[in-house]
């Protein structure tokens, strides 16, 4: 059985990815008033730089012989189970920022869903890709 979690550095990269679009568009959305833009930027910063990484770090998963299990949540924990026979593919992406943090973004394709796993440590991602591809790299 292979267990995996989101790396703390990878969750910070996720928060940065979420923060940047809001920081770029806030002056254009709130050009009428300075305080409206400032309030939006403070709220957006709180959500993207603190709450999103906090929730991302709660993701826990495991791959066993017959299924992939995911559990996530701060207050209310959600559980997802996907049989491995329904996994149709897995893609691995590494941006320069993720590469500096030694993390990867994994997209797990199943019949009917795409599971996004941001910020998985490289060593864990290697083992996860190998396990889900049936031992081939």
C-alpha atoms as a PDB file:
ATOM      1  CA  UNK A   1       0.000   0.000   0.000  1.00  0.00           C
ATOM      2  CA  UNK A   2       1.319   3.420  -1.003  1.00  0.00           C
ATOM      3  CA  UNK A   3       0.342   6.461   1.085  1.00  0.00           C
ATOM      4  CA  UNK A   4       0.716  10.042  -0.156  1.00  0.00           C
ATOM      5  CA  UNK A   5       0.102  13.584   1.114  1.00  0.00           C
ATOM      6  CA  UNK A   6       0.472  17.105  -0.201  1.00  0.00           C
ATOM      7  CA  UNK A   7       3.918  18.521   0.573  1.00  0.00           C
ATOM      8  CA  UNK A   8       3.878  21.768   2.653  1.00  0.00           C
ATOM      9  CA  UNK A   9       6.031  23.540   0.057  1.00  0.00           C
ATOM     10  CA  UNK A  10       3.677  22.363  -2.686  1.00  0.00           C
ATOM     11  CA  UNK A  11       0.664  23.735  -0.806  1.00  0.00           C
ATOM     12  CA  UNK A  12       2.386  27.126  -0.579  1.00  0.00           C
ATOM     13  CA  UNK A  13       2.911  27.069  -4.355  1.00  0.00           C
ATOM     14  CA  UNK A  14      -0.805  26.325  -4.748  1.00  0.00           C
ATOM     15  CA  UNK A  15      -1.642  29.344  -2.578  1.00  0.00           C
ATOM     16  CA  UNK A  16       0.629  31.532  -4.697  1.00  0.00           C
ATOM     17  CA  UNK A  17      -1.036  30.281  -7.898  1.00  0.00           C
ATOM     18  CA  UNK A  18      -4.416  31.251  -6.451  1.00  0.00           C
ATOM     19  CA  UNK A  19      -3.227  34.627  -5.140  1.00  0.00           C
ATOM     20  CA  UNK A  20      -1.686  35.982  -8.346  1.00  0.00           C
ATOM     21  CA  UNK A  21      -4.832  36.245 -10.541  1.00  0.00           C
ATOM     22  CA  UNK A  22      -6.744  38.095  -7.819  1.00  0.00           C
ATOM     23  CA  UNK A  23      -3.857  40.465  -7.185  1.00  0.00           C
ATOM     24  CA  UNK A  24      -3.564  41.243 -10.900  1.00  0.00           C
ATOM     25  CA  UNK A  25      -7.263  41.869 -11.579  1.00  0.00           C
ATOM     26  CA  UNK A  26      -8.230  43.651  -8.334  1.00  0.00           C
ATOM     27  CA  UNK A  27      -7.174  47.139  -9.552  1.00  0.00           C
ATOM     28  CA  UNK A  28      -9.279  46.660 -12.686  1.00  0.00           C
ATOM     29  CA  UNK A  29     -12.348  45.381 -10.840  1.00  0.00           C
ATOM     30  CA  UNK A  30     -12.310  48.037  -8.121  1.00  0.00           C
ATOM     31  CA  UNK A  31     -11.085  51.109  -9.989  1.00  0.00           C
ATOM     32  CA  UNK A  32     -13.929  53.272  -8.617  1.00  0.00           C
ATOM     33  CA  UNK A  33     -12.816  53.074  -5.000  1.00  0.00           C
ATOM     34  CA  UNK A  34      -9.472  52.389  -3.385  1.00  0.00           C
ATOM     35  CA  UNK A  35     -10.971  50.854  -0.235  1.00  0.00           C
ATOM     36  CA  UNK A  36     -13.081  48.371  -2.185  1.00  0.00           C
ATOM     37  CA  UNK A  37      -9.967  47.100  -3.955  1.00  0.00           C
ATOM     38  CA  UNK A  38      -8.000  47.009  -0.711  1.00  0.00           C
ATOM     39  CA  UNK A  39     -10.751  45.044   1.068  1.00  0.00           C
ATOM     40  CA  UNK A  40     -10.979  42.583  -1.819  1.00  0.00           C
ATOM     41  CA  UNK A  41      -7.203  42.124  -1.869  1.00  0.00           C
ATOM     42  CA  UNK A  42      -7.094  41.467   1.887  1.00  0.00           C
ATOM     43  CA  UNK A  43      -9.941  38.943   1.662  1.00  0.00           C
ATOM     44  CA  UNK A  44      -8.418  37.288  -1.422  1.00  0.00           C
ATOM     45  CA  UNK A  45      -5.016  37.093   0.279  1.00  0.00           C
ATOM     46  CA  UNK A  46      -6.564  35.472   3.352  1.00  0.00           C
ATOM     47  CA  UNK A  47      -8.391  32.876   1.280  1.00  0.00           C
ATOM     48  CA  UNK A  48      -5.609  32.063  -1.161  1.00  0.00           C
ATOM     49  CA  UNK A  49      -2.483  32.319   0.982  1.00  0.00           C
ATOM     50  CA  UNK A  50      -3.835  30.856   4.228  1.00  0.00           C
ATOM     51  CA  UNK A  51      -7.063  28.886   3.807  1.00  0.00           C
ATOM     52  CA  UNK A  52      -6.375  27.138   0.475  1.00  0.00           C
ATOM     53  CA  UNK A  53      -2.944  25.759   1.532  1.00  0.00           C
ATOM     54  CA  UNK A  54      -4.413  24.746   4.890  1.00  0.00           C
ATOM     55  CA  UNK A  55      -7.149  22.748   3.159  1.00  0.00           C
ATOM     56  CA  UNK A  56      -4.715  21.319   0.600  1.00  0.00           C
ATOM     57  CA  UNK A  57      -2.476  19.957   3.359  1.00  0.00           C
ATOM     58  CA  UNK A  58      -5.385  17.872   4.673  1.00  0.00           C
ATOM     59  CA  UNK A  59      -5.421  15.719   1.525  1.00  0.00           C
ATOM     60  CA  UNK A  60      -4.398  12.155   2.309  1.00  0.00           C
ATOM     61  CA  UNK A  61      -4.473   9.292  -0.108  1.00  0.00           C
ATOM     62  CA  UNK A  62      -3.447   5.726  -0.618  1.00  0.00           C
ATOM     63  CA  UNK A  63      -3.153   3.308  -3.480  1.00  0.00           C
ATOM     64  CA  UNK A  64      -3.768  -0.328  -2.714  1.00  0.00           C
ATOM     65  CA  UNK A  65      -4.116  -3.343  -4.949  1.00  0.00           C
ATOM     66  CA  UNK A  66      -7.647  -2.560  -6.090  1.00  0.00           C
ATOM     67  CA  UNK A  67      -8.405   1.114  -5.412  1.00  0.00           C
ATOM     68  CA  UNK A  68      -7.247   4.686  -4.969  1.00  0.00           C
ATOM     69  CA  UNK A  69      -8.550   6.366  -1.804  1.00  0.00           C
ATOM     70  CA  UNK A  70      -8.585  10.108  -1.182  1.00  0.00           C
ATOM     71  CA  UNK A  71      -9.674  11.915   1.986  1.00  0.00           C
ATOM     72  CA  UNK A  72      -9.713  15.680   2.411  1.00  0.00           C
ATOM     73  CA  UNK A  73     -11.267  18.283   4.664  1.00  0.00           C
ATOM     74  CA  UNK A  74     -10.741  20.538   7.643  1.00  0.00           C
ATOM     75  CA  UNK A  75     -14.109  20.458   9.373  1.00  0.00           C
ATOM     76  CA  UNK A  76     -16.018  17.942   7.266  1.00  0.00           C
ATOM     77  CA  UNK A  77     -13.867  15.164   5.857  1.00  0.00           C
ATOM     78  CA  UNK A  78     -14.788  13.818   2.436  1.00  0.00           C
ATOM     79  CA  UNK A  79     -13.717  10.403   1.191  1.00  0.00           C
ATOM     80  CA  UNK A  80     -13.411   9.268  -2.412  1.00  0.00           C
ATOM     81  CA  UNK A  81     -12.689   5.766  -3.626  1.00  0.00           C
ATOM     82  CA  UNK A  82     -11.837   4.975  -7.222  1.00  0.00           C
ATOM     83  CA  UNK A  83     -11.171   1.408  -8.356  1.00  0.00           C
ATOM     84  CA  UNK A  84      -7.818   1.196 -10.120  1.00  0.00           C
ATOM     85  CA  UNK A  85      -9.426  -0.492 -13.116  1.00  0.00           C
ATOM     86  CA  UNK A  86     -11.172   2.845 -13.817  1.00  0.00           C
ATOM     87  CA  UNK A  87      -7.907   4.825 -13.849  1.00  0.00           C
ATOM     88  CA  UNK A  88      -7.332   5.608 -17.523  1.00  0.00           C
ATOM     89  CA  UNK A  89      -4.206   7.734 -17.261  1.00  0.00           C
ATOM     90  CA  UNK A  90      -1.960   9.919 -15.176  1.00  0.00           C
ATOM     91  CA  UNK A  91      -0.108  13.084 -16.184  1.00  0.00           C
ATOM     92  CA  UNK A  92       2.688  14.785 -14.303  1.00  0.00           C
ATOM     93  CA  UNK A  93       3.483  18.485 -14.620  1.00  0.00           C
ATOM     94  CA  UNK A  94       6.404  20.389 -13.148  1.00  0.00           C
ATOM     95  CA  UNK A  95       6.592  24.163 -13.365  1.00  0.00           C
ATOM     96  CA  UNK A  96       9.869  25.920 -12.510  1.00  0.00           C
ATOM     97  CA  UNK A  97       8.436  26.920  -9.128  1.00  0.00           C
ATOM     98  CA  UNK A  98       7.335  23.362  -8.372  1.00  0.00           C
ATOM     99  CA  UNK A  99      10.706  22.071  -9.550  1.00  0.00           C
ATOM    100  CA  UNK A 100      12.435  24.417  -7.070  1.00  0.00           C
ATOM    101  CA  UNK A 101      10.210  23.021  -4.291  1.00  0.00           C
ATOM    102  CA  UNK A 102      10.835  19.426  -5.507  1.00  0.00           C
ATOM    103  CA  UNK A 103       7.109  18.865  -6.096  1.00  0.00           C
ATOM    104  CA  UNK A 104       4.826  17.878  -8.973  1.00  0.00           C
ATOM    105  CA  UNK A 105       1.259  18.399 -10.088  1.00  0.00           C
ATOM    106  CA  UNK A 106      -0.474  15.117 -10.881  1.00  0.00           C
ATOM    107  CA  UNK A 107      -3.641  14.742 -12.949  1.00  0.00           C
ATOM    108  CA  UNK A 108      -5.296  11.392 -12.420  1.00  0.00           C
ATOM    109  CA  UNK A 109      -7.772  10.584 -15.209  1.00  0.00           C
ATOM    110  CA  UNK A 110     -10.603   8.220 -14.378  1.00  0.00           C
ATOM    111  CA  UNK A 111     -13.769   7.341 -16.201  1.00  0.00           C
ATOM    112  CA  UNK A 112     -15.972  10.296 -15.350  1.00  0.00           C
ATOM    113  CA  UNK A 113     -13.558  12.483 -13.358  1.00  0.00           C
ATOM    114  CA  UNK A 114     -10.167  14.135 -13.304  1.00  0.00           C
ATOM    115  CA  UNK A 115      -8.466  14.202  -9.913  1.00  0.00           C
ATOM    116  CA  UNK A 116      -6.014  17.075  -9.451  1.00  0.00           C
ATOM    117  CA  UNK A 117      -3.246  16.437  -6.928  1.00  0.00           C
ATOM    118  CA  UNK A 118      -1.169  19.634  -6.574  1.00  0.00           C
ATOM    119  CA  UNK A 119       2.113  19.693  -4.699  1.00  0.00           C
ATOM    120  CA  UNK A 120       2.967  16.007  -4.367  1.00  0.00           C
ATOM    121  CA  UNK A 121       6.626  15.471  -3.429  1.00  0.00           C
ATOM    122  CA  UNK A 122       8.724  14.158  -6.336  1.00  0.00           C
ATOM    123  CA  UNK A 123       9.699  10.894  -4.636  1.00  0.00           C
ATOM    124  CA  UNK A 124       6.078  10.134  -3.822  1.00  0.00           C
ATOM    125  CA  UNK A 125       4.950  11.191  -7.299  1.00  0.00           C
ATOM    126  CA  UNK A 126       7.467   8.803  -8.880  1.00  0.00           C
ATOM    127  CA  UNK A 127       6.154   5.882  -6.827  1.00  0.00           C
ATOM    128  CA  UNK A 128       2.525   6.886  -7.452  1.00  0.00           C
ATOM    129  CA  UNK A 129       2.981   7.121 -11.227  1.00  0.00           C
ATOM    130  CA  UNK A 130       4.778   3.777 -11.253  1.00  0.00           C
ATOM    131  CA  UNK A 131       2.083   2.103  -9.155  1.00  0.00           C
ATOM    132  CA  UNK A 132      -0.792   3.426 -11.253  1.00  0.00           C
ATOM    133  CA  UNK A 133       0.872   2.637 -14.587  1.00  0.00           C
ATOM    134  CA  UNK A 134       1.324  -0.980 -13.607  1.00  0.00           C
ATOM    135  CA  UNK A 135       5.036  -0.855 -12.905  1.00  0.00           C
ATOM    136  CA  UNK A 136       6.086   0.874 -16.120  1.00  0.00           C
ATOM    137  CA  UNK A 137       7.589   4.341 -16.178  1.00  0.00           C
END
